[in-house]
């Protein structure tokens, strides 16, 4: 499973951030990792020049072999919370996708 981390120009996309995000995502959805080919993580600050609550956004798009991509997003006050929220939503979405696949 490949995990690709992308940031917009308003988020410092240093190597440490990418490593931490990748580790959090891998840990959060570890039980699904053998069925996923790639996850793209997009981090952004929706109002970069201003400060505000819940302006950090994490969008995750997961690719499962033989299926259309599934995407989730979460906004929070900081990047870590946005990643954690999106990971939880992704885990829930994957439960649904694989649950439906098991019944068909």
Protein backbone atom coordinates (compact mmCIF):
# COMPACT_ATOMS: atom_id res chain seq x y z
CA UNK A 1 0.00 0.00 0.00
CA UNK A 2 1.42 3.33 -1.06
CA UNK A 3 0.66 6.43 0.99
CA UNK A 4 1.27 9.72 -0.83
CA UNK A 5 1.16 12.96 1.17
CA UNK A 6 0.55 16.25 -0.64
CA UNK A 7 0.34 19.75 0.82
CA UNK A 8 -0.84 23.03 -0.60
CA UNK A 9 1.38 26.11 -0.55
CA UNK A 10 0.07 27.24 2.84
CA UNK A 11 1.07 24.05 4.69
CA UNK A 12 4.72 23.40 5.37
CA UNK A 13 5.24 20.04 3.68
CA UNK A 14 8.50 19.00 5.28
CA UNK A 15 9.65 15.38 5.36
CA UNK A 16 8.82 14.99 9.06
CA UNK A 17 5.18 15.93 8.46
CA UNK A 18 4.88 13.45 5.59
CA UNK A 19 6.44 10.68 7.70
CA UNK A 20 4.13 11.38 10.65
CA UNK A 21 1.01 11.53 8.47
CA UNK A 22 1.95 8.31 6.66
CA UNK A 23 2.54 6.51 9.98
CA UNK A 24 -0.81 7.71 11.39
CA UNK A 25 -2.70 6.60 8.29
CA UNK A 26 -0.97 3.20 8.12
CA UNK A 27 -1.67 2.59 11.80
CA UNK A 28 -5.28 3.77 11.55
CA UNK A 29 -6.25 1.45 8.71
CA UNK A 30 -3.73 -1.36 9.19
CA UNK A 31 -6.36 -4.12 9.05
CA UNK A 32 -7.30 -3.08 5.49
CA UNK A 33 -3.77 -2.55 4.15
CA UNK A 34 -3.58 -5.80 2.17
CA UNK A 35 -6.65 -4.79 0.13
CA UNK A 36 -5.65 -1.19 -0.62
CA UNK A 37 -3.31 -0.20 -3.42
CA UNK A 38 -2.85 3.50 -2.66
CA UNK A 39 -3.96 6.33 -0.39
CA UNK A 40 -3.49 9.95 -1.36
CA UNK A 41 -3.54 12.45 1.48
CA UNK A 42 -4.05 16.14 0.67
CA UNK A 43 -3.42 18.66 3.44
CA UNK A 44 -4.49 22.26 3.11
CA UNK A 45 -5.16 25.43 5.06
CA UNK A 46 -8.45 26.73 3.72
CA UNK A 47 -7.83 30.34 4.74
CA UNK A 48 -4.06 30.44 4.85
CA UNK A 49 -3.65 34.17 5.30
CA UNK A 50 -6.09 34.34 8.23
CA UNK A 51 -6.37 32.44 11.45
CA UNK A 52 -9.59 30.65 12.17
CA UNK A 53 -11.04 27.61 13.79
CA UNK A 54 -11.23 24.37 11.86
CA UNK A 55 -9.44 25.77 8.82
CA UNK A 56 -7.00 22.86 8.36
CA UNK A 57 -8.33 20.25 5.96
CA UNK A 58 -7.28 16.67 5.35
CA UNK A 59 -8.70 14.95 2.29
CA UNK A 60 -7.95 11.25 1.80
CA UNK A 61 -8.63 9.27 -1.32
CA UNK A 62 -8.24 5.51 -1.11
CA UNK A 63 -7.88 3.20 -4.07
CA UNK A 64 -9.02 -0.37 -3.77
CA UNK A 65 -8.19 -2.80 -6.55
CA UNK A 66 -11.12 -3.19 -8.94
CA UNK A 67 -13.23 -0.40 -7.39
CA UNK A 68 -13.78 3.31 -7.79
CA UNK A 69 -11.80 5.52 -5.37
CA UNK A 70 -13.40 6.46 -2.07
CA UNK A 71 -12.73 9.88 -0.54
CA UNK A 72 -13.24 11.42 2.90
CA UNK A 73 -12.28 14.75 4.40
CA UNK A 74 -12.10 16.35 7.82
CA UNK A 75 -11.56 19.92 8.98
CA UNK A 76 -9.96 20.75 12.33
CA UNK A 77 -7.99 23.40 14.17
CA UNK A 78 -4.64 21.78 13.35
CA UNK A 79 -3.18 19.30 10.89
CA UNK A 80 -2.82 16.46 13.42
CA UNK A 81 -6.49 16.63 14.37
CA UNK A 82 -7.54 16.90 10.72
CA UNK A 83 -5.51 13.78 9.87
CA UNK A 84 -6.91 11.87 12.87
CA UNK A 85 -10.48 12.81 11.96
CA UNK A 86 -10.06 11.90 8.30
CA UNK A 87 -8.42 8.59 9.25
CA UNK A 88 -11.38 7.72 11.49
CA UNK A 89 -13.80 8.57 8.68
CA UNK A 90 -11.74 6.52 6.22
CA UNK A 91 -11.76 3.53 8.57
CA UNK A 92 -15.54 3.78 8.80
CA UNK A 93 -15.90 4.11 5.01
CA UNK A 94 -13.67 1.06 4.49
CA UNK A 95 -15.74 -0.94 6.98
CA UNK A 96 -18.77 -0.14 4.83
CA UNK A 97 -17.08 -0.87 1.49
CA UNK A 98 -15.59 -4.19 2.57
CA UNK A 99 -18.76 -5.14 4.44
CA UNK A 100 -20.78 -4.69 1.24
CA UNK A 101 -18.17 -6.62 -0.76
CA UNK A 102 -18.42 -9.52 1.68
CA UNK A 103 -22.20 -9.77 1.27
CA UNK A 104 -22.08 -9.85 -2.53
